[in-house]
Protein backbone atom coordinates (compact mmCIF):
# COMPACT_ATOMS: atom_id res chain seq x y z
CA MET A 1 -2.56 23.71 17.70
CA ASP A 2 -2.95 27.25 19.12
CA THR A 3 -3.21 30.13 16.73
CA PRO A 4 -3.25 33.83 17.64
CA SER A 5 -6.43 35.73 16.99
CA ASP A 6 -4.84 37.64 14.08
CA GLY A 7 -3.13 34.49 12.72
CA PRO A 8 -4.13 32.16 9.87
CA GLN A 9 -7.67 31.04 9.98
CA THR A 10 -8.17 28.82 7.00
CA TYR A 11 -7.09 25.24 6.67
CA LEU A 12 -4.81 25.98 3.71
CA GLU A 13 -3.16 28.94 5.47
CA ARG A 14 -2.49 26.81 8.54
CA TYR A 15 -0.74 23.97 6.76
CA LEU A 16 1.38 26.34 4.57
CA MET A 17 2.99 27.50 7.79
CA THR A 18 4.10 24.04 9.07
CA SER A 19 7.83 24.59 8.41
CA THR A 20 8.02 26.82 11.43
CA LYS A 21 6.22 24.36 13.83
CA LYS A 22 7.43 21.61 16.06
CA LYS A 23 4.04 20.24 17.06
CA PHE A 24 1.76 18.58 14.50
CA LYS A 25 -1.60 16.91 14.37
CA ILE A 26 -1.72 13.80 12.05
CA LEU A 27 -4.97 12.16 11.00
CA ILE A 28 -4.52 8.46 10.17
CA THR A 29 -7.27 7.02 8.09
CA GLY A 30 -7.99 3.33 7.90
CA ALA A 31 -6.87 3.35 11.50
CA GLY A 32 -7.94 -0.24 11.97
CA ALA A 33 -5.86 -1.57 9.00
CA PRO A 34 -3.27 -4.28 9.85
CA GLY A 35 -0.31 -2.02 9.14
CA THR A 36 -1.45 0.92 11.20
CA SER A 37 0.55 -0.12 14.28
CA GLY A 38 3.70 -0.12 12.11
CA THR A 39 2.91 3.33 10.70
CA ILE A 40 2.40 4.65 14.24
CA PHE A 41 5.72 3.20 15.40
CA SER A 42 7.48 4.77 12.42
CA LEU A 43 5.90 8.15 13.03
CA LYS A 44 6.64 8.16 16.77
CA SER A 45 10.24 6.98 16.39
CA GLY A 46 10.86 9.47 13.55
CA ALA A 47 9.34 12.37 15.37
CA ALA A 48 11.29 11.50 18.53
CA SER A 49 14.56 11.50 16.59
CA GLU A 50 13.94 15.15 15.56
CA SER A 51 12.27 16.28 18.81
CA VAL A 52 8.92 16.78 17.07
CA ASP A 53 5.74 16.52 18.96
CA LEU A 54 2.95 14.52 17.27
CA GLU A 55 -0.74 14.11 18.16
CA LEU A 56 -2.32 11.20 16.31
CA ILE A 57 -6.09 11.20 15.49
CA GLY A 58 -7.62 8.06 13.96
CA ALA A 59 -10.48 7.57 11.56
CA ASP A 60 -12.08 4.37 10.33
CA MET A 61 -15.35 2.98 9.05
CA ARG A 62 -15.45 0.58 12.08
CA LEU A 63 -14.05 1.98 15.29
CA GLU A 64 -14.15 -1.41 17.13
CA ARG A 65 -11.21 -2.67 15.13
CA THR A 66 -8.90 0.29 15.90
CA MET A 67 -6.24 0.57 18.58
CA ALA A 68 -7.93 3.10 20.80
CA THR A 69 -4.98 3.68 23.07
CA GLU A 70 -2.71 4.84 20.23
CA PHE A 71 -4.86 7.91 19.34
CA SER A 72 -5.95 11.02 21.21
CA SER A 73 -9.30 10.57 19.59
CA LEU A 74 -11.14 8.27 17.17
CA HIS A 75 -13.79 9.12 14.61
CA GLU A 76 -16.10 6.99 12.60
CA VAL A 77 -16.26 8.00 8.87
CA PRO A 78 -18.32 6.80 5.87
CA ALA A 79 -16.99 4.42 3.23
CA PRO A 80 -14.60 6.10 0.80
CA GLU A 81 -17.11 5.31 -2.00
CA SER A 82 -19.76 7.38 -0.26
CA SER A 83 -20.49 10.95 -1.36
CA ASP A 84 -20.33 11.89 2.35
CA TYR A 85 -16.75 10.68 2.73
CA LEU A 86 -14.76 13.77 1.65
CA PRO A 87 -17.12 16.25 3.33
CA SER A 88 -16.76 14.16 6.54
CA MET A 89 -12.96 13.98 6.28
CA THR A 90 -12.74 17.77 5.52
CA ALA A 91 -14.87 18.67 8.47
CA LEU A 92 -12.83 16.35 10.68
CA ALA A 93 -9.58 17.88 9.52
CA ASP A 94 -10.90 21.42 10.09
CA SER A 95 -12.35 20.80 13.54
CA HIS A 96 -9.11 19.23 14.79
CA GLU A 97 -6.75 21.60 12.88
CA ILE A 98 -5.09 18.61 11.23
CA ASP A 99 -1.72 19.24 9.61
CA LEU A 100 -1.52 16.12 7.51
CA VAL A 101 -3.77 13.21 6.53
CA VAL A 102 -1.99 9.84 6.23
CA PRO A 103 -4.12 7.21 4.50
CA GLN A 104 -3.55 3.46 5.14
CA THR A 105 -5.79 1.92 2.47
CA THR A 106 -5.97 1.81 -1.26
CA ARG A 107 -9.68 2.59 -1.17
CA GLU A 108 -9.11 5.91 0.45
CA ASN A 109 -5.94 6.93 -1.33
CA LEU A 110 -7.36 7.93 -4.70
CA VAL A 111 -10.43 9.63 -3.14
CA LEU A 112 -8.19 11.66 -0.85
CA SER A 113 -5.88 12.66 -3.62
CA ALA A 114 -8.81 14.16 -5.54
CA ALA A 115 -9.52 16.49 -2.62
CA GLY A 116 -6.70 18.84 -3.77
CA GLN A 117 -6.04 21.75 -1.43
CA ARG A 118 -9.07 20.95 0.71
CA LEU A 119 -6.95 18.37 2.44
CA LYS A 120 -3.15 18.13 2.80
CA THR A 121 -2.69 14.40 2.29
CA LEU A 122 0.22 12.06 1.97
CA THR A 123 -0.78 10.97 -1.55
CA ALA A 124 0.45 11.24 -5.13
CA PRO A 125 -1.61 13.15 -7.71
CA ALA A 126 -4.80 11.34 -8.81
CA ASP A 127 -3.52 10.48 -12.37
CA THR A 128 -0.30 9.00 -10.98
CA ILE A 129 -2.32 6.86 -8.55
CA ARG A 130 -4.58 5.64 -11.33
CA LEU A 131 -1.56 4.52 -13.43
CA ALA A 132 0.15 2.86 -10.50
CA ASN A 133 -2.96 1.01 -9.30
CA ASP A 134 -3.79 -0.33 -12.78
CA LYS A 135 -1.91 -3.64 -13.07
CA LEU A 136 -2.31 -3.89 -16.83
CA LYS A 137 -1.06 -0.38 -17.48
CA LEU A 138 1.78 -0.88 -14.98
CA THR A 139 2.82 -4.16 -16.67
CA LYS A 140 2.71 -2.52 -20.14
CA LEU A 141 4.87 0.30 -18.91
CA PHE A 142 7.51 -2.00 -17.44
CA SER A 143 7.52 -4.02 -20.60
CA SER A 144 7.74 -0.97 -22.92
CA ILE A 145 10.75 0.44 -21.16
CA GLY A 146 12.68 -2.88 -20.95
CA LEU A 147 12.11 -3.54 -17.25
CA GLY A 148 11.16 -6.93 -15.81
CA ALA A 149 7.57 -7.88 -16.60
CA PRO A 150 5.76 -11.21 -16.84
CA ASN A 151 4.54 -12.68 -20.12
CA PHE A 152 1.02 -11.24 -20.27
CA ARG A 153 -2.09 -10.64 -22.34
CA SER A 154 -5.23 -8.57 -21.73
CA ALA A 155 -8.85 -9.78 -21.94
CA ASP A 156 -12.21 -8.07 -21.95
CA SER A 157 -14.55 -10.91 -22.96
CA VAL A 158 -14.97 -14.67 -22.51
CA GLU A 159 -13.48 -15.19 -26.03
CA SER A 160 -10.38 -13.08 -25.46
CA LEU A 161 -9.87 -14.61 -21.98
CA VAL A 162 -9.89 -18.19 -23.45
CA ALA A 163 -7.54 -17.03 -26.22
CA ALA A 164 -5.11 -15.38 -23.68
CA VAL A 165 -4.85 -18.33 -21.34
CA THR A 166 -4.36 -20.70 -24.30
CA GLU A 167 -1.57 -18.51 -25.70
CA LEU A 168 0.09 -18.55 -22.34
CA GLY A 169 0.17 -22.41 -22.27
CA TYR A 170 -3.12 -23.41 -20.59
CA PRO A 171 -4.09 -26.14 -19.86
CA ALA A 172 -0.53 -27.56 -19.70
CA ASN A 173 0.57 -24.48 -17.65
CA ASP A 174 -1.24 -22.61 -14.90
CA VAL A 175 -2.12 -18.95 -15.68
CA VAL A 176 -2.83 -15.96 -13.39
CA VAL A 177 -5.90 -13.85 -14.13
CA LYS A 178 -6.32 -10.55 -12.29
CA LEU A 179 -8.63 -7.64 -12.14
CA THR A 180 -6.58 -4.62 -13.23
CA ASN A 181 -7.50 -2.68 -10.01
CA GLY A 182 -7.71 -5.43 -7.41
CA ASN A 183 -5.57 -5.21 -4.28
CA GLY A 184 -4.69 -7.21 -1.17
CA GLY A 185 -5.14 -10.49 -3.00
CA ARG A 186 -8.65 -9.49 -4.21
CA GLY A 187 -9.63 -10.23 -7.81
CA VAL A 188 -6.80 -12.72 -8.41
CA ARG A 189 -7.18 -16.33 -9.47
CA ILE A 190 -4.77 -19.06 -10.70
CA VAL A 191 -6.50 -20.85 -13.50
CA SER A 192 -5.38 -24.49 -13.41
CA ALA A 193 -6.39 -27.74 -15.02
CA ARG A 194 -4.19 -29.67 -12.53
CA LEU A 195 -5.84 -32.00 -10.10
CA GLU A 196 -5.09 -31.48 -6.45
CA THR A 197 -3.22 -34.30 -4.81
CA PHE A 198 -4.43 -35.84 -1.61
CA ARG A 199 -1.43 -34.51 0.23
CA GLU A 200 -2.28 -31.00 -0.82
CA PHE A 201 -5.89 -31.57 0.09
CA SER A 202 -4.98 -32.91 3.55
CA GLU A 203 -2.09 -30.60 4.50
CA ASN A 204 -2.77 -27.26 2.87
CA LYS A 205 -5.28 -24.66 4.03
CA PRO A 206 -7.57 -23.53 1.21
CA ASP A 207 -6.69 -20.06 -0.02
CA GLY A 208 -9.42 -19.60 -2.64
CA MET A 209 -6.83 -18.71 -5.27
CA ARG A 210 -6.88 -21.80 -7.54
CA THR A 211 -9.84 -22.36 -9.89
CA SER A 212 -10.78 -23.88 -13.20
CA LEU A 213 -11.28 -21.89 -16.35
CA ASP A 214 -14.97 -22.92 -16.60
CA SER A 215 -15.61 -21.83 -13.03
CA LEU A 216 -13.87 -18.44 -13.48
CA VAL A 217 -15.82 -17.80 -16.71
CA GLN A 218 -19.11 -18.52 -14.95
CA THR A 219 -18.11 -16.12 -12.13
CA LEU A 220 -17.09 -13.33 -14.56
CA LYS A 221 -20.42 -13.69 -16.47
CA THR A 222 -22.25 -12.59 -13.33
CA ALA A 223 -20.70 -9.13 -13.59
CA GLU A 224 -22.91 -6.37 -15.07
CA LEU A 225 -20.09 -5.56 -17.42
CA PHE A 226 -17.25 -7.96 -18.31
CA PRO A 227 -14.10 -6.50 -16.64
CA ILE A 228 -10.75 -5.79 -18.26
CA LEU A 229 -8.31 -8.45 -17.09
CA LEU A 230 -4.62 -8.94 -16.87
CA VAL A 231 -3.64 -12.52 -17.84
CA SER A 232 -0.12 -13.62 -17.20
CA GLU A 233 2.25 -16.49 -16.64
CA VAL A 234 2.67 -17.91 -13.11
CA LEU A 235 5.96 -16.66 -11.70
CA SER A 236 8.14 -18.35 -9.08
CA ALA A 237 8.13 -17.48 -5.35
CA PRO A 238 9.15 -15.91 -3.21
CA GLU A 239 7.39 -12.61 -3.68
CA VAL A 240 9.45 -9.54 -3.09
CA THR A 241 8.16 -6.16 -1.88
CA VAL A 242 10.25 -2.99 -2.26
CA ASP A 243 9.64 -0.12 0.11
CA VAL A 244 10.54 3.20 -1.58
CA TYR A 245 11.17 6.79 -0.51
CA ALA A 246 11.62 9.49 -3.10
CA GLY A 247 11.75 13.07 -1.87
CA LYS A 248 13.74 15.99 -0.45
CA SER A 249 16.27 13.82 1.21
CA GLY A 250 16.94 11.76 -2.00
CA PHE A 251 15.95 8.23 -3.08
CA VAL A 252 16.25 4.85 -1.35
CA SER A 253 14.55 1.45 -1.94
CA VAL A 254 14.51 -1.36 0.57
CA PRO A 255 13.50 -4.73 -0.82
CA ARG A 256 12.22 -7.55 1.41
CA PHE A 257 11.21 -11.14 0.78
CA ARG A 258 7.62 -11.80 1.79
CA ASP A 259 8.61 -15.11 3.47
CA GLU A 260 5.13 -15.83 4.69
CA ILE A 261 1.81 -14.27 3.61
CA ARG A 262 -1.62 -14.68 5.11
CA ALA A 263 -4.73 -13.17 3.50
CA GLY A 264 -2.55 -10.95 1.41
CA ILE A 265 -0.67 -9.62 4.40
CA SER A 266 3.05 -10.17 5.12
CA VAL A 267 3.47 -11.90 8.46
CA ARG A 268 7.23 -12.63 7.98
CA SER A 269 9.54 -10.54 5.91
CA THR A 270 13.42 -10.31 5.44
CA ILE A 271 15.02 -7.20 4.09
CA PHE A 272 18.00 -7.55 1.76
CA GLN A 273 19.90 -5.53 -0.89
CA ASP A 274 19.98 -5.90 -4.69
CA ASP A 275 21.58 -3.16 -6.74
CA SER A 276 19.97 -4.29 -10.00
CA LEU A 277 16.48 -4.31 -8.47
CA SER A 278 17.14 -0.88 -6.96
CA ARG A 279 17.98 0.52 -10.42
CA THR A 280 14.88 -0.98 -11.89
CA VAL A 281 12.74 0.63 -9.21
CA ALA A 282 14.38 4.00 -9.73
CA THR A 283 13.78 3.92 -13.43
CA ALA A 284 10.08 2.99 -12.86
CA VAL A 285 9.61 5.74 -10.19
CA LYS A 286 10.91 8.34 -12.69
CA GLU A 287 8.55 7.04 -15.45
CA ILE A 288 5.48 6.93 -13.15
CA GLY A 289 6.29 10.20 -11.37
CA LEU A 290 5.92 8.88 -7.78
CA ASN A 291 7.25 10.54 -4.67
CA GLY A 292 6.94 10.19 -0.98
CA ALA A 293 6.45 6.64 0.50
CA PHE A 294 5.17 3.85 -1.74
CA GLY A 295 6.15 0.38 -2.88
CA PHE A 296 6.35 -2.33 -5.55
CA GLN A 297 5.92 -6.06 -5.63
CA PHE A 298 7.92 -8.43 -7.82
CA MET A 299 8.23 -12.10 -8.48
CA LYS A 300 11.01 -13.84 -10.40
CA ARG A 301 11.36 -15.37 -13.80
CA GLY A 302 14.81 -17.00 -13.60
CA SER A 303 17.08 -14.27 -12.40
CA THR A 304 14.77 -11.42 -13.44
CA PHE A 305 12.47 -9.59 -11.10
CA CYS A 306 9.15 -9.09 -12.85
CA VAL A 307 6.70 -6.46 -11.61
CA ILE A 308 3.46 -7.68 -10.03
CA GLU A 309 1.96 -4.44 -8.74
CA CYS A 310 2.60 -0.98 -7.36
CA ASN A 311 1.17 0.42 -4.10
CA PRO A 312 1.25 4.26 -4.36
CA ARG A 313 0.79 4.59 -0.62
CA ILE A 314 2.36 3.44 2.71
CA GLN A 315 2.52 -0.40 2.46
CA GLY A 316 1.23 -2.57 5.31
CA THR A 317 4.58 -3.82 6.41
CA MET A 318 6.65 -0.72 5.50
CA VAL A 319 7.76 -0.41 9.09
CA ALA A 320 10.22 -3.16 8.30
CA SER A 321 12.25 -0.58 6.30
CA ILE A 322 13.50 0.80 9.64
CA MET A 323 15.84 -2.14 9.81
CA SER A 324 17.77 -0.66 6.86
CA GLY A 325 18.42 2.44 8.85
CA ASN A 326 15.84 4.38 6.72
CA ASN A 327 12.44 5.27 8.28
CA ILE A 328 10.71 5.51 4.96
CA ILE A 329 7.31 6.52 6.46
CA TRP A 330 8.76 9.30 8.54
CA LEU A 331 10.84 10.57 5.64
CA ALA A 332 7.76 11.04 3.55
CA VAL A 333 5.75 12.56 6.41
CA ARG A 334 8.46 15.04 7.33
CA ASP A 335 8.64 16.21 3.69
CA ALA A 336 4.89 16.67 3.67
CA LEU A 337 4.98 18.63 6.88
CA GLY A 338 7.62 20.97 5.53
CA LEU A 339 10.25 20.21 8.18
CA PRO A 340 13.51 21.96 7.32
CA GLY A 341 16.71 20.20 6.23
CA GLN A 342 17.35 16.75 4.88
CA VAL A 343 17.90 13.39 6.48
CA ARG A 344 21.02 11.35 5.55
CA LEU A 345 19.92 8.18 3.86
CA ASN A 346 21.58 4.83 4.65
CA LYS A 347 22.62 3.01 1.38
CA SER A 348 23.97 -0.17 2.93
CA TRP A 349 22.48 -2.67 5.37
CA SER A 350 22.45 -6.29 6.45
CA HIS A 351 19.54 -8.70 6.42
CA GLY A 352 16.88 -8.21 9.11
CA GLN A 353 13.61 -9.97 9.69
CA PHE A 354 10.18 -8.66 10.55
CA GLN A 355 7.66 -11.02 12.24
CA ARG A 356 4.06 -10.02 12.69
CA THR A 357 2.37 -11.09 15.95
CA TRP A 358 -1.28 -10.88 16.83
CA GLY A 359 -2.87 -9.22 19.71
CA GLY A 360 -6.17 -7.57 20.68
CA GLU A 361 -8.16 -5.51 23.15
CA LEU A 362 -10.37 -6.51 25.91
CA ARG A 363 -13.34 -4.10 26.54
CA TRP A 364 -15.60 -4.74 29.41
CA ASN A 365 -17.13 -2.75 32.41
CA ASN A 366 -15.84 0.55 30.86
CA GLN A 367 -12.27 -0.81 30.85
CA LEU A 368 -9.85 -1.31 28.07
CA VAL A 369 -6.86 -3.78 28.28
CA ARG A 370 -4.50 -4.38 25.34
CA ILE A 371 -3.21 -7.92 24.98
């Protein structure tokens, strides 16, 4: 971005002037995350629809897993938990005159939100992110305002964990135990006393999700401090994700069945419409105070959608929302960039399916080939 010699010089002054620009530099963190290619597609298609020129810069802890051909430059950064992370990101944003930082991972989301005016980032306020990321607080909130929530208990000791699973019907019923701040399938176990059948043993790939109560207790005892846990009933599949936009152009939520999931990632999704679920999401969004692009996950008890978690960031398969006629990622980004006017939201759509396919990059003799 060229600036005149007497123009704005500070990072803050530069990004406050974005409403008059048509060329922007976007820094995508977690550039090697599985959903980044979808985010890039959403950004490029949205920008093209409004004749906006984007330059994409990538940052990741491990550059070898990023799609080098999609970025004008790539930069290795420390882990979000490192004290060097924010200074590194701020220096990177300043040196490249970045207009907006778009995080792809939960680990970075909260850290970047705490940067305040040092970095213009597509994140919610830190307190909002903490509430949304806390599965126990989120479940309590849904339950307290009469929205769909699973039957649940909390536990912070071996004794309270045993009491919680027993109250929820164990050992006759399986029970879900979760760390309150886990994500991507991490920190989740199904506590079960049921013996695996030979057919399950021979036909199903192990997913590491099912365990015995004794085994889980022994694992938790290895923690320096016993964690706070959400203990809940097992709900029926399929899991449903809702991609949400709330901002200058209005509100829209696009639900999709997670038809197939591998390692916590949707590999096949089908969008659909459900007015009742949309109203539930709208009520929750108002209570939590979310805006921009974010999402929820639900599973069913009978006909009721019960909340599983909230992702206060771009979701890994959010690109699928484009099939509804709403480019949710671009809608949030254009708001953050200060582009003038509003985009007309589409409120009616048919089913559409997203299928994730795998590829890679060949690197040899100073050559790069995408496959």
